[in-house]
Amino acid sequence: MTSTPATTGPIAPEADDGRRSGPQTQETEPEAQETAPAAGSEVDAAGEGGGSESGDALPDQQPHHGDAHQGFPEASQQPPRPVSVLVYSDDVNTRAAVRLAIGRRPAPDLPEVRWTECATPHAVIAAADRGGLDLLILDGEAVPAGGMGLCKQLKDEIYRCPPVLVLTGRPQDAWLATWSRADFAVPHPLDPIALAEAVAMLVRRHVSTR
């Protein structure tokens, strides 16, 4: 009859072990459920919140500044080409008065002037043949060949002759300027303001068509 306690003795510890294992399993399941949302929230922060707050683009969306600079170099701004003006007169004082009236440029919106001075009609014809002139200023009182006769010759012989401004001896000589096919005429004595305005008008007209 003493065998009954001996049989029930080992059973109690096994039941206790089973009861202890049950709560351990129940404790680990909540931990797994708690860590799953945490991992998911980190992915959202890195994919949405982290990217928007830091302002960094994804690797395939980042601009390649070096490639863009190499493919599209900055255009260098070159200065405008100077206005090439020829002045003809056998009188050096007349040529100096014309240059002084025009100055470095005939108007603020126009480039600087590059002057070509001629004292003989042969030099004028040679310069006109070379081309590249934007305006010719011819003194009608020059000798041995006046500017108006030289103007008519250039208009007849030079293809696409640049505009010509003649300096007449007096206002009544305007009809001679019309005969010479001059584009404009300014009488002696020279008015610096009137001469600069006439030069600016003719240069603008020629530059817009060249």
N, C-alpha and C. Protein backbone atom coordinates (compact mmCIF):
# COMPACT_ATOMS: atom_id res chain seq x y z
N MET A 1 0.84 -1.19 0.00
CA MET A 1 0.00 0.00 0.00
C MET A 1 0.88 1.24 0.00
N THR A 2 2.10 1.09 0.21
CA THR A 2 3.02 2.24 0.23
C THR A 2 3.46 2.65 -1.15
N SER A 3 3.02 1.89 -2.17
CA SER A 3 3.44 2.23 -3.53
C SER A 3 2.68 3.37 -4.13
N THR A 4 1.55 3.73 -3.59
CA THR A 4 0.74 4.81 -4.17
C THR A 4 1.42 6.14 -4.05
N PRO A 5 1.98 6.56 -2.91
CA PRO A 5 2.69 7.83 -2.85
C PRO A 5 3.87 7.88 -3.76
N ALA A 6 4.55 6.72 -3.91
CA ALA A 6 5.72 6.74 -4.79
C ALA A 6 5.34 6.97 -6.21
N THR A 7 4.15 6.52 -6.64
CA THR A 7 3.73 6.71 -8.02
C THR A 7 3.32 8.14 -8.29
N THR A 8 2.65 8.79 -7.32
CA THR A 8 2.18 10.16 -7.52
C THR A 8 3.26 11.18 -7.31
N GLY A 9 4.36 10.80 -6.75
CA GLY A 9 5.43 11.78 -6.51
C GLY A 9 6.00 12.37 -7.77
N PRO A 10 6.37 11.62 -8.79
CA PRO A 10 6.97 12.22 -9.99
C PRO A 10 5.98 12.94 -10.85
N ILE A 11 4.68 12.68 -10.70
CA ILE A 11 3.70 13.32 -11.58
C ILE A 11 3.57 14.79 -11.27
N ALA A 12 3.65 15.20 -10.06
CA ALA A 12 3.47 16.61 -9.68
C ALA A 12 4.49 17.53 -10.34
N PRO A 13 5.77 17.14 -10.35
CA PRO A 13 6.71 18.04 -11.04
C PRO A 13 6.42 18.19 -12.52
N GLU A 14 5.98 17.10 -13.20
CA GLU A 14 5.68 17.21 -14.62
C GLU A 14 4.53 18.15 -14.87
N ALA A 15 3.51 18.11 -14.01
CA ALA A 15 2.40 19.06 -14.18
C ALA A 15 2.86 20.48 -13.97
N ASP A 16 3.76 20.68 -12.99
CA ASP A 16 4.26 22.04 -12.74
C ASP A 16 5.05 22.56 -13.93
N ASP A 17 5.87 21.64 -14.56
CA ASP A 17 6.64 22.08 -15.73
C ASP A 17 5.73 22.47 -16.87
N GLY A 18 4.65 21.73 -17.00
CA GLY A 18 3.73 22.06 -18.08
C GLY A 18 3.04 23.38 -17.85
N ARG A 19 2.74 23.67 -16.61
CA ARG A 19 2.10 24.95 -16.31
C ARG A 19 3.06 26.11 -16.49
N ARG A 20 4.33 25.88 -16.20
CA ARG A 20 5.31 26.96 -16.37
C ARG A 20 5.60 27.25 -17.85
N SER A 21 5.56 26.16 -18.68
CA SER A 21 5.81 26.37 -20.09
C SER A 21 4.69 27.11 -20.79
N GLY A 22 3.50 26.96 -20.25
CA GLY A 22 2.36 27.68 -20.87
C GLY A 22 2.51 29.18 -20.78
N PRO A 23 2.73 29.75 -19.64
CA PRO A 23 2.89 31.20 -19.56
C PRO A 23 4.09 31.71 -20.34
N GLN A 24 5.19 30.93 -20.42
CA GLN A 24 6.33 31.40 -21.19
C GLN A 24 5.98 31.59 -22.66
N THR A 25 5.19 30.67 -23.21
CA THR A 25 4.78 30.79 -24.60
C THR A 25 3.87 31.98 -24.80
N GLN A 26 3.01 32.26 -23.86
CA GLN A 26 2.10 33.39 -23.98
C GLN A 26 2.83 34.71 -23.85
N GLU A 27 3.94 34.72 -23.15
CA GLU A 27 4.69 35.97 -22.99
C GLU A 27 5.48 36.32 -24.25
N THR A 28 5.95 35.31 -24.96
CA THR A 28 6.74 35.60 -26.15
C THR A 28 5.89 36.07 -27.31
N GLU A 29 4.65 35.67 -27.38
CA GLU A 29 3.80 36.09 -28.50
C GLU A 29 3.54 37.59 -28.49
N PRO A 30 3.19 38.21 -27.35
CA PRO A 30 3.02 39.67 -27.38
C PRO A 30 4.28 40.41 -27.80
N GLU A 31 5.45 39.89 -27.40
CA GLU A 31 6.68 40.57 -27.78
C GLU A 31 6.86 40.57 -29.29
N ALA A 32 6.51 39.45 -29.93
CA ALA A 32 6.60 39.40 -31.38
C ALA A 32 5.60 40.32 -32.04
N GLN A 33 4.44 40.49 -31.44
CA GLN A 33 3.44 41.38 -32.00
C GLN A 33 3.83 42.84 -31.81
N GLU A 34 4.54 43.12 -30.75
CA GLU A 34 4.95 44.51 -30.52
C GLU A 34 6.11 44.91 -31.42
N THR A 35 7.01 43.99 -31.70
CA THR A 35 8.16 44.34 -32.54
C THR A 35 7.80 44.45 -34.01
N ALA A 36 6.75 43.78 -34.46
CA ALA A 36 6.38 43.85 -35.88
C ALA A 36 5.97 45.24 -36.30
N PRO A 37 5.07 45.95 -35.55
CA PRO A 37 4.74 47.32 -35.95
C PRO A 37 5.94 48.25 -35.90
N ALA A 38 6.85 48.02 -34.94
CA ALA A 38 8.01 48.90 -34.85
C ALA A 38 8.87 48.79 -36.09
N ALA A 39 9.06 47.57 -36.57
CA ALA A 39 9.84 47.41 -37.79
C ALA A 39 9.15 48.03 -38.98
N GLY A 40 7.84 47.91 -39.05
CA GLY A 40 7.11 48.51 -40.15
C GLY A 40 7.16 50.02 -40.11
N SER A 41 7.09 50.63 -38.93
CA SER A 41 7.14 52.08 -38.83
C SER A 41 8.50 52.61 -39.24
N GLU A 42 9.57 51.90 -38.98
CA GLU A 42 10.88 52.35 -39.42
C GLU A 42 10.99 52.36 -40.94
N VAL A 43 10.40 51.41 -41.62
CA VAL A 43 10.43 51.39 -43.09
C VAL A 43 9.65 52.56 -43.65
N ASP A 44 8.51 52.86 -43.06
CA ASP A 44 7.72 54.00 -43.53
C ASP A 44 8.47 55.31 -43.32
N ALA A 45 9.16 55.40 -42.18
CA ALA A 45 9.89 56.64 -41.92
C ALA A 45 11.03 56.82 -42.89
N ALA A 46 11.69 55.71 -43.22
CA ALA A 46 12.80 55.83 -44.16
C ALA A 46 12.32 56.05 -45.57
N GLY A 47 11.19 55.45 -45.93
CA GLY A 47 10.73 55.56 -47.31
C GLY A 47 9.94 56.80 -47.57
N GLU A 48 9.17 57.29 -46.56
CA GLU A 48 8.32 58.46 -46.77
C GLU A 48 8.79 59.64 -45.94
N GLY A 49 8.66 59.47 -44.61
CA GLY A 49 8.98 60.60 -43.75
C GLY A 49 10.44 60.98 -43.81
N GLY A 50 11.34 59.98 -43.76
CA GLY A 50 12.76 60.30 -43.75
C GLY A 50 13.20 61.00 -45.01
N GLY A 51 12.69 60.55 -46.18
CA GLY A 51 13.11 61.17 -47.42
C GLY A 51 12.58 62.58 -47.56
N SER A 52 11.34 62.83 -47.16
CA SER A 52 10.77 64.16 -47.31
C SER A 52 11.37 65.14 -46.34
N GLU A 53 11.71 64.71 -45.11
CA GLU A 53 12.28 65.63 -44.15
C GLU A 53 13.71 65.99 -44.50
N SER A 54 14.48 65.03 -44.94
CA SER A 54 15.87 65.33 -45.26
C SER A 54 16.01 66.06 -46.59
N GLY A 55 15.06 65.90 -47.51
CA GLY A 55 15.13 66.57 -48.80
C GLY A 55 16.04 65.89 -49.79
N ASP A 56 16.58 64.71 -49.45
CA ASP A 56 17.47 64.00 -50.37
C ASP A 56 16.66 63.18 -51.35
N ALA A 57 17.04 63.19 -52.60
CA ALA A 57 16.35 62.39 -53.61
C ALA A 57 16.90 60.99 -53.60
N LEU A 58 16.14 60.09 -54.20
CA LEU A 58 16.60 58.73 -54.34
C LEU A 58 17.81 58.68 -55.26
N PRO A 59 18.62 57.61 -55.15
CA PRO A 59 19.86 57.58 -55.97
C PRO A 59 19.61 57.72 -57.45
N ASP A 60 18.49 57.17 -57.99
CA ASP A 60 18.26 57.27 -59.42
C ASP A 60 17.63 58.59 -59.82
N GLN A 61 17.26 59.44 -58.82
CA GLN A 61 16.65 60.72 -59.12
C GLN A 61 17.57 61.89 -58.82
N GLN A 62 18.75 61.63 -58.29
CA GLN A 62 19.65 62.71 -57.96
C GLN A 62 20.21 63.33 -59.23
N PRO A 63 20.21 64.67 -59.33
CA PRO A 63 20.78 65.32 -60.53
C PRO A 63 22.28 65.19 -60.54
N HIS A 64 22.83 64.93 -61.70
CA HIS A 64 24.27 64.83 -61.89
C HIS A 64 24.78 66.18 -62.34
N HIS A 65 25.23 66.97 -61.35
CA HIS A 65 25.64 68.34 -61.68
C HIS A 65 26.85 68.34 -62.59
N GLY A 66 27.76 67.40 -62.38
CA GLY A 66 28.94 67.39 -63.24
C GLY A 66 28.60 67.09 -64.67
N ASP A 67 27.69 66.10 -64.90
CA ASP A 67 27.31 65.78 -66.27
C ASP A 67 26.54 66.91 -66.91
N ALA A 68 25.66 67.57 -66.12
CA ALA A 68 24.89 68.67 -66.70
C ALA A 68 25.79 69.82 -67.09
N HIS A 69 26.82 70.06 -66.28
CA HIS A 69 27.73 71.15 -66.62
C HIS A 69 28.55 70.83 -67.85
N GLN A 70 28.92 69.54 -67.98
CA GLN A 70 29.70 69.17 -69.15
C GLN A 70 28.85 69.15 -70.40
N GLY A 71 27.59 68.73 -70.29
CA GLY A 71 26.74 68.65 -71.47
C GLY A 71 26.23 70.00 -71.93
N PHE A 72 26.03 70.93 -70.97
CA PHE A 72 25.49 72.24 -71.31
C PHE A 72 26.40 73.31 -70.73
N PRO A 73 27.49 73.62 -71.38
CA PRO A 73 28.40 74.65 -70.86
C PRO A 73 27.76 76.02 -70.92
N GLU A 74 28.15 76.85 -69.99
CA GLU A 74 27.61 78.21 -69.95
C GLU A 74 28.11 78.99 -71.17
N ALA A 75 27.16 79.67 -71.80
CA ALA A 75 27.50 80.44 -73.00
C ALA A 75 28.23 81.72 -72.59
N SER A 76 29.37 81.95 -73.16
CA SER A 76 30.14 83.14 -72.86
C SER A 76 29.58 84.32 -73.67
N GLN A 77 29.36 85.41 -72.98
CA GLN A 77 28.82 86.59 -73.62
C GLN A 77 29.95 87.37 -74.27
N GLN A 78 29.89 87.51 -75.56
CA GLN A 78 30.90 88.24 -76.28
C GLN A 78 30.44 89.68 -76.49
N PRO A 79 31.35 90.63 -76.44
CA PRO A 79 30.97 92.03 -76.66
C PRO A 79 30.49 92.24 -78.08
N PRO A 80 29.59 93.19 -78.31
CA PRO A 80 29.09 93.42 -79.66
C PRO A 80 30.19 93.96 -80.57
N ARG A 81 30.05 93.68 -81.86
CA ARG A 81 31.04 94.14 -82.83
C ARG A 81 30.98 95.66 -82.95
N PRO A 82 32.13 96.33 -82.95
CA PRO A 82 32.11 97.79 -83.07
C PRO A 82 31.47 98.24 -84.39
N VAL A 83 30.95 99.44 -84.38
CA VAL A 83 30.39 100.05 -85.59
C VAL A 83 31.54 100.66 -86.38
N SER A 84 31.67 100.23 -87.63
CA SER A 84 32.76 100.70 -88.48
C SER A 84 32.27 101.89 -89.31
N VAL A 85 32.86 103.06 -89.06
CA VAL A 85 32.46 104.31 -89.71
C VAL A 85 33.67 104.90 -90.44
N LEU A 86 33.47 105.24 -91.70
CA LEU A 86 34.50 105.91 -92.50
C LEU A 86 34.16 107.38 -92.62
N VAL A 87 35.14 108.23 -92.40
CA VAL A 87 34.96 109.67 -92.58
C VAL A 87 35.98 110.15 -93.62
N TYR A 88 35.47 110.89 -94.62
CA TYR A 88 36.31 111.36 -95.72
C TYR A 88 36.26 112.88 -95.79
N SER A 89 37.46 113.46 -95.77
CA SER A 89 37.62 114.90 -95.99
C SER A 89 39.11 115.18 -96.16
N ASP A 90 39.42 116.11 -97.05
CA ASP A 90 40.82 116.50 -97.19
C ASP A 90 41.26 117.41 -96.07
N ASP A 91 40.30 117.91 -95.29
CA ASP A 91 40.59 118.82 -94.17
C ASP A 91 40.65 118.00 -92.88
N VAL A 92 41.81 117.97 -92.24
CA VAL A 92 41.96 117.20 -91.01
C VAL A 92 41.07 117.76 -89.91
N ASN A 93 40.83 119.07 -89.92
CA ASN A 93 39.98 119.67 -88.89
C ASN A 93 38.52 119.20 -89.04
N THR A 94 38.07 119.03 -90.27
CA THR A 94 36.71 118.52 -90.48
C THR A 94 36.59 117.09 -89.97
N ARG A 95 37.58 116.27 -90.26
CA ARG A 95 37.54 114.90 -89.76
C ARG A 95 37.55 114.86 -88.23
N ALA A 96 38.35 115.73 -87.62
CA ALA A 96 38.39 115.77 -86.16
C ALA A 96 37.07 116.25 -85.57
N ALA A 97 36.42 117.22 -86.26
CA ALA A 97 35.13 117.72 -85.76
C ALA A 97 34.07 116.62 -85.82
N VAL A 98 34.10 115.81 -86.86
CA VAL A 98 33.13 114.71 -86.97
C VAL A 98 33.36 113.69 -85.86
N ARG A 99 34.60 113.33 -85.64
CA ARG A 99 34.90 112.36 -84.59
C ARG A 99 34.55 112.89 -83.22
N LEU A 100 34.78 114.15 -82.98
CA LEU A 100 34.45 114.74 -81.69
C LEU A 100 32.95 114.79 -81.47
N ALA A 101 32.18 115.07 -82.53
CA ALA A 101 30.72 115.13 -82.39
C ALA A 101 30.13 113.76 -82.10
N ILE A 102 30.67 112.71 -82.68
CA ILE A 102 30.14 111.36 -82.48
C ILE A 102 30.63 110.77 -81.16
N GLY A 103 31.87 111.03 -80.82
CA GLY A 103 32.43 110.47 -79.60
C GLY A 103 32.71 108.98 -79.75
N ARG A 104 32.72 108.29 -78.62
CA ARG A 104 33.00 106.86 -78.63
C ARG A 104 31.86 106.07 -79.26
N ARG A 105 30.63 106.55 -79.09
CA ARG A 105 29.46 105.88 -79.66
C ARG A 105 28.41 106.93 -79.95
N PRO A 106 27.65 106.76 -81.03
CA PRO A 106 26.65 107.79 -81.40
C PRO A 106 25.46 107.82 -80.47
N ALA A 107 25.16 106.73 -79.78
CA ALA A 107 24.02 106.66 -78.86
C ALA A 107 24.32 105.59 -77.82
N PRO A 108 23.69 105.68 -76.62
CA PRO A 108 23.98 104.69 -75.57
C PRO A 108 23.62 103.26 -75.96
N ASP A 109 22.64 103.07 -76.84
CA ASP A 109 22.20 101.72 -77.20
C ASP A 109 23.01 101.11 -78.33
N LEU A 110 24.03 101.81 -78.82
CA LEU A 110 24.82 101.33 -79.94
C LEU A 110 26.24 101.00 -79.49
N PRO A 111 26.90 100.08 -80.21
CA PRO A 111 28.29 99.75 -79.85
C PRO A 111 29.23 100.92 -80.10
N GLU A 112 30.47 100.73 -79.68
CA GLU A 112 31.48 101.76 -79.90
C GLU A 112 31.84 101.85 -81.39
N VAL A 113 32.39 102.99 -81.75
CA VAL A 113 32.72 103.27 -83.15
C VAL A 113 34.18 102.96 -83.41
N ARG A 114 34.43 102.31 -84.53
CA ARG A 114 35.78 102.10 -85.02
C ARG A 114 35.95 102.95 -86.27
N TRP A 115 36.83 103.91 -86.20
CA TRP A 115 36.95 104.92 -87.24
C TRP A 115 37.96 104.50 -88.31
N THR A 116 37.63 104.93 -89.55
CA THR A 116 38.56 104.84 -90.69
C THR A 116 38.59 106.21 -91.35
N GLU A 117 39.72 106.85 -91.32
CA GLU A 117 39.85 108.19 -91.88
C GLU A 117 40.50 108.11 -93.27
N CYS A 118 39.92 108.86 -94.20
CA CYS A 118 40.43 108.91 -95.57
C CYS A 118 40.54 110.37 -96.00
N ALA A 119 41.66 110.69 -96.66
CA ALA A 119 41.88 112.05 -97.15
C ALA A 119 41.81 112.14 -98.66
N THR A 120 41.71 111.00 -99.36
CA THR A 120 41.65 110.98 -100.82
C THR A 120 40.48 110.10 -101.26
N PRO A 121 39.91 110.38 -102.44
CA PRO A 121 38.82 109.54 -102.93
C PRO A 121 39.26 108.11 -103.24
N HIS A 122 40.51 107.93 -103.64
CA HIS A 122 41.00 106.58 -103.92
C HIS A 122 40.98 105.71 -102.65
N ALA A 123 41.35 106.30 -101.52
CA ALA A 123 41.32 105.56 -100.26
C ALA A 123 39.89 105.18 -99.87
N VAL A 124 38.93 106.05 -100.18
CA VAL A 124 37.53 105.76 -99.87
C VAL A 124 37.04 104.58 -100.71
N ILE A 125 37.35 104.60 -102.01
CA ILE A 125 36.89 103.52 -102.89
C ILE A 125 37.52 102.19 -102.49
N ALA A 126 38.82 102.22 -102.12
CA ALA A 126 39.49 100.99 -101.72
C ALA A 126 38.88 100.43 -100.43
N ALA A 127 38.56 101.30 -99.48
CA ALA A 127 37.95 100.83 -98.22
C ALA A 127 36.55 100.30 -98.46
N ALA A 128 35.80 100.93 -99.35
CA ALA A 128 34.45 100.44 -99.65
C ALA A 128 34.49 99.10 -100.37
N ASP A 129 35.49 98.91 -101.22
CA ASP A 129 35.64 97.61 -101.89
C ASP A 129 35.96 96.49 -100.91
N ARG A 130 36.73 96.78 -99.88
CA ARG A 130 37.06 95.75 -98.89
C ARG A 130 35.83 95.32 -98.09
N GLY A 131 34.89 96.21 -97.92
CA GLY A 131 33.66 95.89 -97.20
C GLY A 131 33.84 96.01 -95.69
N GLY A 132 32.78 95.66 -94.96
CA GLY A 132 32.81 95.71 -93.51
C GLY A 132 32.47 97.05 -92.91
N LEU A 133 32.09 98.03 -93.74
CA LEU A 133 31.74 99.36 -93.24
C LEU A 133 30.24 99.43 -92.95
N ASP A 134 29.91 100.14 -91.89
CA ASP A 134 28.51 100.33 -91.51
C ASP A 134 27.99 101.71 -91.89
N LEU A 135 28.86 102.66 -92.12
CA LEU A 135 28.45 104.02 -92.47
C LEU A 135 29.63 104.76 -93.09
N LEU A 136 29.31 105.60 -94.10
CA LEU A 136 30.29 106.47 -94.73
C LEU A 136 29.84 107.91 -94.53
N ILE A 137 30.76 108.74 -94.01
CA ILE A 137 30.51 110.17 -93.86
C ILE A 137 31.45 110.89 -94.83
N LEU A 138 30.86 111.52 -95.84
CA LEU A 138 31.64 112.13 -96.92
C LEU A 138 31.44 113.64 -96.90
N ASP A 139 32.56 114.35 -96.92
CA ASP A 139 32.52 115.81 -96.92
C ASP A 139 32.27 116.32 -98.34
N GLY A 140 31.13 116.99 -98.51
CA GLY A 140 30.78 117.52 -99.83
C GLY A 140 31.69 118.65 -100.28
N GLU A 141 32.44 119.27 -99.36
CA GLU A 141 33.33 120.37 -99.70
C GLU A 141 34.78 119.93 -99.87
N ALA A 142 35.00 118.60 -99.89
CA ALA A 142 36.37 118.12 -100.02
C ALA A 142 36.86 118.34 -101.46
N VAL A 143 38.18 118.50 -101.58
CA VAL A 143 38.83 118.65 -102.89
C VAL A 143 39.95 117.62 -102.98
N PRO A 144 40.25 117.11 -104.17
CA PRO A 144 39.74 117.52 -105.48
C PRO A 144 38.39 116.91 -105.84
N ALA A 145 37.93 115.91 -105.08
CA ALA A 145 36.65 115.27 -105.39
C ALA A 145 35.72 115.50 -104.21
N GLY A 146 34.56 116.09 -104.48
CA GLY A 146 33.60 116.35 -103.42
C GLY A 146 32.90 115.06 -102.97
N GLY A 147 32.36 115.11 -101.77
CA GLY A 147 31.72 113.94 -101.20
C GLY A 147 30.45 113.52 -101.92
N MET A 148 29.72 114.48 -102.51
CA MET A 148 28.47 114.11 -103.18
C MET A 148 28.72 113.38 -104.49
N GLY A 149 29.70 113.83 -105.27
CA GLY A 149 30.04 113.10 -106.48
C GLY A 149 30.59 111.72 -106.15
N LEU A 150 31.38 111.62 -105.09
CA LEU A 150 31.91 110.33 -104.68
C LEU A 150 30.80 109.41 -104.17
N CYS A 151 29.82 109.99 -103.51
CA CYS A 151 28.69 109.19 -103.04
C CYS A 151 27.92 108.56 -104.20
N LYS A 152 27.66 109.34 -105.24
CA LYS A 152 26.94 108.80 -106.40
C LYS A 152 27.74 107.68 -107.07
N GLN A 153 29.06 107.83 -107.14
CA GLN A 153 29.88 106.79 -107.73
C GLN A 153 29.81 105.50 -106.91
N LEU A 154 29.88 105.60 -105.58
CA LEU A 154 29.82 104.42 -104.72
C LEU A 154 28.46 103.73 -104.80
N LYS A 155 27.40 104.52 -104.85
CA LYS A 155 26.06 103.93 -104.94
C LYS A 155 25.86 103.20 -106.26
N ASP A 156 26.51 103.69 -107.30
CA ASP A 156 26.36 103.05 -108.61
C ASP A 156 27.26 101.82 -108.77
N GLU A 157 28.40 101.78 -108.09
CA GLU A 157 29.38 100.74 -108.34
C GLU A 157 29.48 99.69 -107.23
N ILE A 158 29.15 100.01 -106.02
CA ILE A 158 29.31 99.09 -104.89
C ILE A 158 27.99 98.36 -104.66
N TYR A 159 28.07 97.03 -104.71
CA TYR A 159 26.87 96.23 -104.44
C TYR A 159 26.54 96.31 -102.95
N ARG A 160 25.29 96.64 -102.69
CA ARG A 160 24.81 96.81 -101.32
C ARG A 160 25.70 97.80 -100.57
N CYS A 161 25.83 98.96 -101.14
CA CYS A 161 26.65 100.02 -100.54
C CYS A 161 26.10 100.40 -99.18
N PRO A 162 26.93 100.55 -98.18
CA PRO A 162 26.44 100.97 -96.86
C PRO A 162 25.85 102.37 -96.92
N PRO A 163 25.09 102.76 -95.92
CA PRO A 163 24.50 104.11 -95.93
C PRO A 163 25.58 105.20 -95.96
N VAL A 164 25.22 106.31 -96.60
CA VAL A 164 26.16 107.42 -96.76
C VAL A 164 25.52 108.68 -96.21
N LEU A 165 26.27 109.39 -95.39
CA LEU A 165 25.87 110.70 -94.88
C LEU A 165 26.83 111.73 -95.48
N VAL A 166 26.29 112.72 -96.17
CA VAL A 166 27.12 113.75 -96.79
C VAL A 166 27.03 115.04 -95.99
N LEU A 167 28.15 115.73 -95.96
CA LEU A 167 28.23 117.03 -95.30
C LEU A 167 28.19 118.10 -96.38
N THR A 168 27.07 118.80 -96.46
CA THR A 168 26.87 119.80 -97.51
C THR A 168 27.43 121.15 -97.08
N GLY A 169 27.70 121.98 -98.08
CA GLY A 169 28.27 123.29 -97.79
C GLY A 169 27.25 124.24 -97.18
N ARG A 170 25.97 124.06 -97.51
CA ARG A 170 24.91 124.92 -96.99
C ARG A 170 23.58 124.17 -97.08
N PRO A 171 22.58 124.55 -96.33
CA PRO A 171 21.30 123.84 -96.37
C PRO A 171 20.67 123.81 -97.75
N GLN A 172 20.92 124.83 -98.60
CA GLN A 172 20.31 124.87 -99.92
C GLN A 172 20.86 123.78 -100.84
N ASP A 173 21.93 123.12 -100.43
CA ASP A 173 22.51 122.07 -101.26
C ASP A 173 21.87 120.70 -101.01
N ALA A 174 20.73 120.68 -100.37
CA ALA A 174 20.07 119.41 -100.09
C ALA A 174 19.69 118.69 -101.37
N TRP A 175 19.35 119.44 -102.42
CA TRP A 175 18.96 118.79 -103.67
C TRP A 175 20.15 118.05 -104.29
N LEU A 176 21.37 118.57 -104.07
CA LEU A 176 22.55 117.86 -104.55
C LEU A 176 22.73 116.53 -103.80
N ALA A 177 22.39 116.53 -102.52
CA ALA A 177 22.47 115.29 -101.75
C ALA A 177 21.47 114.27 -102.27
N THR A 178 20.29 114.76 -102.69
CA THR A 178 19.31 113.84 -103.27
C THR A 178 19.82 113.28 -104.60
N TRP A 179 20.43 114.13 -105.39
CA TRP A 179 21.00 113.66 -106.66
C TRP A 179 22.09 112.61 -106.45
N SER A 180 22.89 112.78 -105.41
CA SER A 180 23.99 111.86 -105.14
C SER A 180 23.51 110.55 -104.52
N ARG A 181 22.22 110.45 -104.23
CA ARG A 181 21.62 109.25 -103.63
C ARG A 181 22.13 109.02 -102.21
N ALA A 182 22.49 110.12 -101.55
CA ALA A 182 22.90 110.01 -100.15
C ALA A 182 21.70 109.67 -99.28
N ASP A 183 21.96 108.97 -98.20
CA ASP A 183 20.88 108.59 -97.29
C ASP A 183 20.50 109.72 -96.35
N PHE A 184 21.41 110.63 -96.07
CA PHE A 184 21.09 111.77 -95.20
C PHE A 184 22.15 112.84 -95.45
N ALA A 185 21.81 114.09 -95.09
CA ALA A 185 22.72 115.21 -95.29
C ALA A 185 22.68 116.12 -94.08
N VAL A 186 23.86 116.60 -93.67
CA VAL A 186 24.00 117.55 -92.57
C VAL A 186 24.84 118.71 -93.09
N PRO A 187 24.37 119.94 -92.94
CA PRO A 187 25.10 121.07 -93.52
C PRO A 187 26.23 121.56 -92.61
N HIS A 188 27.17 122.25 -93.23
CA HIS A 188 28.17 123.03 -92.50
C HIS A 188 27.55 124.36 -92.11
N PRO A 189 27.98 124.95 -90.97
CA PRO A 189 28.87 124.40 -89.93
C PRO A 189 28.19 123.26 -89.18
N LEU A 190 28.94 122.29 -88.75
CA LEU A 190 28.39 121.07 -88.19
C LEU A 190 27.77 121.32 -86.82
N ASP A 191 26.56 120.82 -86.67
CA ASP A 191 25.88 120.80 -85.38
C ASP A 191 26.14 119.43 -84.75
N PRO A 192 26.89 119.37 -83.65
CA PRO A 192 27.22 118.05 -83.09
C PRO A 192 26.01 117.20 -82.74
N ILE A 193 24.96 117.82 -82.21
CA ILE A 193 23.77 117.05 -81.83
C ILE A 193 23.07 116.50 -83.07
N ALA A 194 22.88 117.35 -84.09
CA ALA A 194 22.22 116.90 -85.31
C ALA A 194 23.05 115.83 -86.01
N LEU A 195 24.38 115.96 -85.99
CA LEU A 195 25.23 114.96 -86.63
C LEU A 195 25.17 113.62 -85.88
N ALA A 196 25.20 113.66 -84.56
CA ALA A 196 25.14 112.42 -83.78
C ALA A 196 23.79 111.72 -83.96
N GLU A 197 22.71 112.48 -84.00
CA GLU A 197 21.40 111.87 -84.21
C GLU A 197 21.28 111.23 -85.59
N ALA A 198 21.82 111.90 -86.61
CA ALA A 198 21.77 111.34 -87.96
C ALA A 198 22.61 110.07 -88.05
N VAL A 199 23.78 110.08 -87.44
CA VAL A 199 24.63 108.89 -87.46
C VAL A 199 23.94 107.74 -86.73
N ALA A 200 23.35 108.00 -85.57
CA ALA A 200 22.67 106.95 -84.81
C ALA A 200 21.51 106.36 -85.61
N MET A 201 20.75 107.21 -86.30
CA MET A 201 19.62 106.72 -87.08
C MET A 201 20.10 105.80 -88.22
N LEU A 202 21.12 106.22 -88.95
CA LEU A 202 21.60 105.42 -90.06
C LEU A 202 22.25 104.12 -89.60
N VAL A 203 22.99 104.18 -88.48
CA VAL A 203 23.64 102.97 -87.97
C VAL A 203 22.60 101.95 -87.50
N ARG A 204 21.57 102.41 -86.79
CA ARG A 204 20.52 101.49 -86.34
C ARG A 204 19.86 100.82 -87.54
N ARG A 205 19.60 101.58 -88.57
CA ARG A 205 18.95 101.03 -89.75
C ARG A 205 19.83 99.97 -90.42
N HIS A 206 21.12 100.25 -90.48
CA HIS A 206 22.02 99.32 -91.16
C HIS A 206 22.28 98.07 -90.29
N VAL A 207 22.48 98.27 -89.00
CA VAL A 207 22.77 97.14 -88.10
C VAL A 207 21.60 96.16 -88.05
N SER A 208 20.38 96.68 -88.12
CA SER A 208 19.21 95.81 -88.05
C SER A 208 19.06 94.93 -89.30
N THR A 209 19.73 95.29 -90.39
CA THR A 209 19.59 94.53 -91.64
C THR A 209 20.85 93.75 -92.02
N ARG A 210 21.91 93.89 -91.26
CA ARG A 210 23.18 93.21 -91.64
C ARG A 210 23.19 91.79 -91.13
